[in-house]
Amino acid sequence: MAYNEDLEKRLDYAFKLFPKDIANEILKKKMFGGLAYLFKGKMTVGIIKENLMVRIVAEKIDEIMKMEAVRPMDFAKRPMKEFVYVSSKGYTTEEELQNWIELGLEHAKKKLKNTK
């Protein structure tokens, strides 16, 4: 198992709860040796082994990094800007998982807005 397939099922279900204008724009793509969820082509969240990967807007990254279950995404042996890993302790409930998804969507929407 390259990534947590149970987490994939949870993410699939969670994205279905969003309004259709969001849910219909989500694409799953294999990336980083795991799985990424893209909104209109912009990465939101993903799964790397047992970790939830989340893109966070720059304005919130310092506060998010203070959370116990969060660490920098160091996929390439050094931290990647605006990417974090969340350990399984940080997404035990569906509410916690939904919060991470919303943060990832916020990042994607901001990137899309900046490209117009």
C-alpha atoms as a PDB file:
ATOM      1  CA  MET A   1       0.000   0.000   0.000  1.00  0.00           C
ATOM      2  CA  ALA A   2       1.649   3.245  -1.173  1.00  0.00           C
ATOM      3  CA  TYR A   3      -0.814   5.408   0.749  1.00  0.00           C
ATOM      4  CA  ASN A   4      -3.616   5.062   3.280  1.00  0.00           C
ATOM      5  CA  GLU A   5      -6.591   3.785   1.272  1.00  0.00           C
ATOM      6  CA  ASP A   6      -8.980   4.236   4.198  1.00  0.00           C
ATOM      7  CA  LEU A   7      -8.085   7.923   4.242  1.00  0.00           C
ATOM      8  CA  GLU A   8      -8.741   8.024   0.498  1.00  0.00           C
ATOM      9  CA  LYS A   9     -12.280   6.685   1.105  1.00  0.00           C
ATOM     10  CA  ARG A  10     -12.840   9.278   3.817  1.00  0.00           C
ATOM     11  CA  LEU A  11     -11.646  12.088   1.548  1.00  0.00           C
ATOM     12  CA  ASP A  12     -13.794  10.841  -1.342  1.00  0.00           C
ATOM     13  CA  TYR A  13     -16.845  10.873   0.901  1.00  0.00           C
ATOM     14  CA  ALA A  14     -16.002  14.282   2.392  1.00  0.00           C
ATOM     15  CA  PHE A  15     -15.635  15.926  -1.023  1.00  0.00           C
ATOM     16  CA  LYS A  16     -19.075  14.599  -2.019  1.00  0.00           C
ATOM     17  CA  LEU A  17     -20.574  16.677   0.813  1.00  0.00           C
ATOM     18  CA  PHE A  18     -19.477  19.931  -0.809  1.00  0.00           C
ATOM     19  CA  PRO A  19     -21.779  21.849  -3.189  1.00  0.00           C
ATOM     20  CA  LYS A  20     -21.714  20.477  -6.722  1.00  0.00           C
ATOM     21  CA  ASP A  21     -19.794  23.486  -8.065  1.00  0.00           C
ATOM     22  CA  ILE A  22     -16.905  22.358  -5.866  1.00  0.00           C
ATOM     23  CA  ALA A  23     -17.395  18.576  -5.802  1.00  0.00           C
ATOM     24  CA  ASN A  24     -17.606  18.361  -9.604  1.00  0.00           C
ATOM     25  CA  GLU A  25     -14.267  20.171  -9.963  1.00  0.00           C
ATOM     26  CA  ILE A  26     -12.262  17.745  -7.798  1.00  0.00           C
ATOM     27  CA  LEU A  27      -9.821  15.470  -9.589  1.00  0.00           C
ATOM     28  CA  LYS A  28      -7.698  12.756  -7.992  1.00  0.00           C
ATOM     29  CA  LYS A  29      -4.207  12.346  -9.346  1.00  0.00           C
ATOM     30  CA  LYS A  30      -1.278  10.151  -8.321  1.00  0.00           C
ATOM     31  CA  MET A  31       1.568  12.424  -7.221  1.00  0.00           C
ATOM     32  CA  PHE A  32       4.522  12.350  -4.814  1.00  0.00           C
ATOM     33  CA  GLY A  33       4.192   8.566  -4.595  1.00  0.00           C
ATOM     34  CA  GLY A  34       0.734   9.080  -3.138  1.00  0.00           C
ATOM     35  CA  LEU A  35      -2.532  10.675  -4.147  1.00  0.00           C
ATOM     36  CA  ALA A  36      -3.478  14.343  -4.570  1.00  0.00           C
ATOM     37  CA  TYR A  37      -6.879  16.008  -4.820  1.00  0.00           C
ATOM     38  CA  LEU A  38      -6.976  18.960  -7.171  1.00  0.00           C
ATOM     39  CA  PHE A  39      -9.607  21.690  -7.433  1.00  0.00           C
ATOM     40  CA  LYS A  40      -9.671  23.161 -10.935  1.00  0.00           C
ATOM     41  CA  GLY A  41      -6.113  21.903 -11.381  1.00  0.00           C
ATOM     42  CA  LYS A  42      -4.770  23.297  -8.093  1.00  0.00           C
ATOM     43  CA  MET A  43      -3.626  20.923  -5.362  1.00  0.00           C
ATOM     44  CA  THR A  44      -5.677  21.033  -2.157  1.00  0.00           C
ATOM     45  CA  VAL A  45      -4.997  17.944  -0.042  1.00  0.00           C
ATOM     46  CA  GLY A  46      -3.421  14.573  -0.603  1.00  0.00           C
ATOM     47  CA  ILE A  47      -2.183  11.395   0.972  1.00  0.00           C
ATOM     48  CA  ILE A  48       1.467  10.443   1.357  1.00  0.00           C
ATOM     49  CA  LYS A  49       1.717   7.073   3.121  1.00  0.00           C
ATOM     50  CA  GLU A  50      -0.202   7.665   6.386  1.00  0.00           C
ATOM     51  CA  ASN A  51       0.046  11.454   6.278  1.00  0.00           C
ATOM     52  CA  LEU A  52      -2.536  13.895   5.076  1.00  0.00           C
ATOM     53  CA  MET A  53      -0.821  16.524   2.940  1.00  0.00           C
ATOM     54  CA  VAL A  54      -2.463  19.967   2.956  1.00  0.00           C
ATOM     55  CA  ARG A  55      -1.706  23.208   1.136  1.00  0.00           C
ATOM     56  CA  ILE A  56      -2.084  26.184   3.445  1.00  0.00           C
ATOM     57  CA  VAL A  57      -2.266  29.881   2.529  1.00  0.00           C
ATOM     58  CA  ALA A  58       0.830  31.786   3.602  1.00  0.00           C
ATOM     59  CA  GLU A  59      -1.142  33.964   6.042  1.00  0.00           C
ATOM     60  CA  LYS A  60      -2.130  30.909   8.116  1.00  0.00           C
ATOM     61  CA  ILE A  61       0.945  28.695   7.871  1.00  0.00           C
ATOM     62  CA  ASP A  62       2.695  29.931  11.035  1.00  0.00           C
ATOM     63  CA  GLU A  63      -0.367  29.306  13.206  1.00  0.00           C
ATOM     64  CA  ILE A  64      -1.030  25.888  11.619  1.00  0.00           C
ATOM     65  CA  MET A  65       2.590  24.837  12.205  1.00  0.00           C
ATOM     66  CA  LYS A  66       2.052  25.235  15.972  1.00  0.00           C
ATOM     67  CA  MET A  67      -0.429  22.345  15.976  1.00  0.00           C
ATOM     68  CA  GLU A  68       0.805  19.081  17.473  1.00  0.00           C
ATOM     69  CA  ALA A  69      -0.074  16.817  14.542  1.00  0.00           C
ATOM     70  CA  VAL A  70       1.428  19.131  11.898  1.00  0.00           C
ATOM     71  CA  ARG A  71       4.945  19.242  10.495  1.00  0.00           C
ATOM     72  CA  PRO A  72       6.486  20.724   7.360  1.00  0.00           C
ATOM     73  CA  MET A  73       6.185  18.675   4.207  1.00  0.00           C
ATOM     74  CA  ASP A  74       9.780  17.698   3.624  1.00  0.00           C
ATOM     75  CA  PHE A  75       9.257  15.439   0.632  1.00  0.00           C
ATOM     76  CA  ALA A  76      12.477  16.604  -1.030  1.00  0.00           C
ATOM     77  CA  LYS A  77      14.474  16.570   2.240  1.00  0.00           C
ATOM     78  CA  ARG A  78      13.709  20.247   2.817  1.00  0.00           C
ATOM     79  CA  PRO A  79      10.419  21.975   3.683  1.00  0.00           C
ATOM     80  CA  MET A  80       8.138  22.832   0.799  1.00  0.00           C
ATOM     81  CA  LYS A  81       6.509  26.262   0.910  1.00  0.00           C
ATOM     82  CA  GLU A  82       2.817  26.231   1.916  1.00  0.00           C
ATOM     83  CA  PHE A  83       2.698  22.423   2.271  1.00  0.00           C
ATOM     84  CA  VAL A  84       2.244  20.552   5.555  1.00  0.00           C
ATOM     85  CA  TYR A  85       1.896  16.958   6.648  1.00  0.00           C
ATOM     86  CA  VAL A  86      -0.791  16.136   9.186  1.00  0.00           C
ATOM     87  CA  SER A  87      -0.330  12.897  11.117  1.00  0.00           C
ATOM     88  CA  SER A  88      -3.291  10.601  11.754  1.00  0.00           C
ATOM     89  CA  LYS A  89      -3.747  12.237  15.194  1.00  0.00           C
ATOM     90  CA  GLY A  90      -4.795  15.423  13.390  1.00  0.00           C
ATOM     91  CA  TYR A  91      -7.665  13.952  11.375  1.00  0.00           C
ATOM     92  CA  THR A  92      -9.313  11.419  13.674  1.00  0.00           C
ATOM     93  CA  THR A  93     -12.820  12.886  13.257  1.00  0.00           C
ATOM     94  CA  GLU A  94     -14.683  13.761  10.088  1.00  0.00           C
ATOM     95  CA  GLU A  95     -14.954  17.332  11.354  1.00  0.00           C
ATOM     96  CA  GLU A  96     -11.158  17.592  11.633  1.00  0.00           C
ATOM     97  CA  LEU A  97     -10.741  16.114   8.159  1.00  0.00           C
ATOM     98  CA  GLN A  98     -13.312  18.537   6.744  1.00  0.00           C
ATOM     99  CA  ASN A  99     -11.400  21.448   8.279  1.00  0.00           C
ATOM    100  CA  TRP A 100      -8.179  20.363   6.545  1.00  0.00           C
ATOM    101  CA  ILE A 101     -10.017  20.033   3.232  1.00  0.00           C
ATOM    102  CA  GLU A 102     -11.442  23.526   3.605  1.00  0.00           C
ATOM    103  CA  LEU A 103      -7.951  24.897   4.261  1.00  0.00           C
ATOM    104  CA  GLY A 104      -6.683  23.149   1.130  1.00  0.00           C
ATOM    105  CA  LEU A 105      -9.576  24.508  -0.922  1.00  0.00           C
ATOM    106  CA  GLU A 106      -8.903  28.003   0.428  1.00  0.00           C
ATOM    107  CA  HIS A 107      -5.340  27.743  -0.898  1.00  0.00           C
ATOM    108  CA  ALA A 108      -6.490  26.517  -4.312  1.00  0.00           C
ATOM    109  CA  LYS A 109      -9.128  29.245  -4.651  1.00  0.00           C
ATOM    110  CA  LYS A 110      -6.590  31.911  -3.739  1.00  0.00           C
ATOM    111  CA  LYS A 111      -4.149  30.594  -6.359  1.00  0.00           C
ATOM    112  CA  LEU A 112      -6.925  30.555  -8.965  1.00  0.00           C
ATOM    113  CA  LYS A 113      -7.945  34.115  -8.082  1.00  0.00           C
ATOM    114  CA  ASN A 114      -4.334  35.291  -8.403  1.00  0.00           C
ATOM    115  CA  THR A 115      -4.043  33.820 -11.922  1.00  0.00           C
ATOM    116  CA  LYS A 116      -6.971  35.815 -13.333  1.00  0.00           C
END
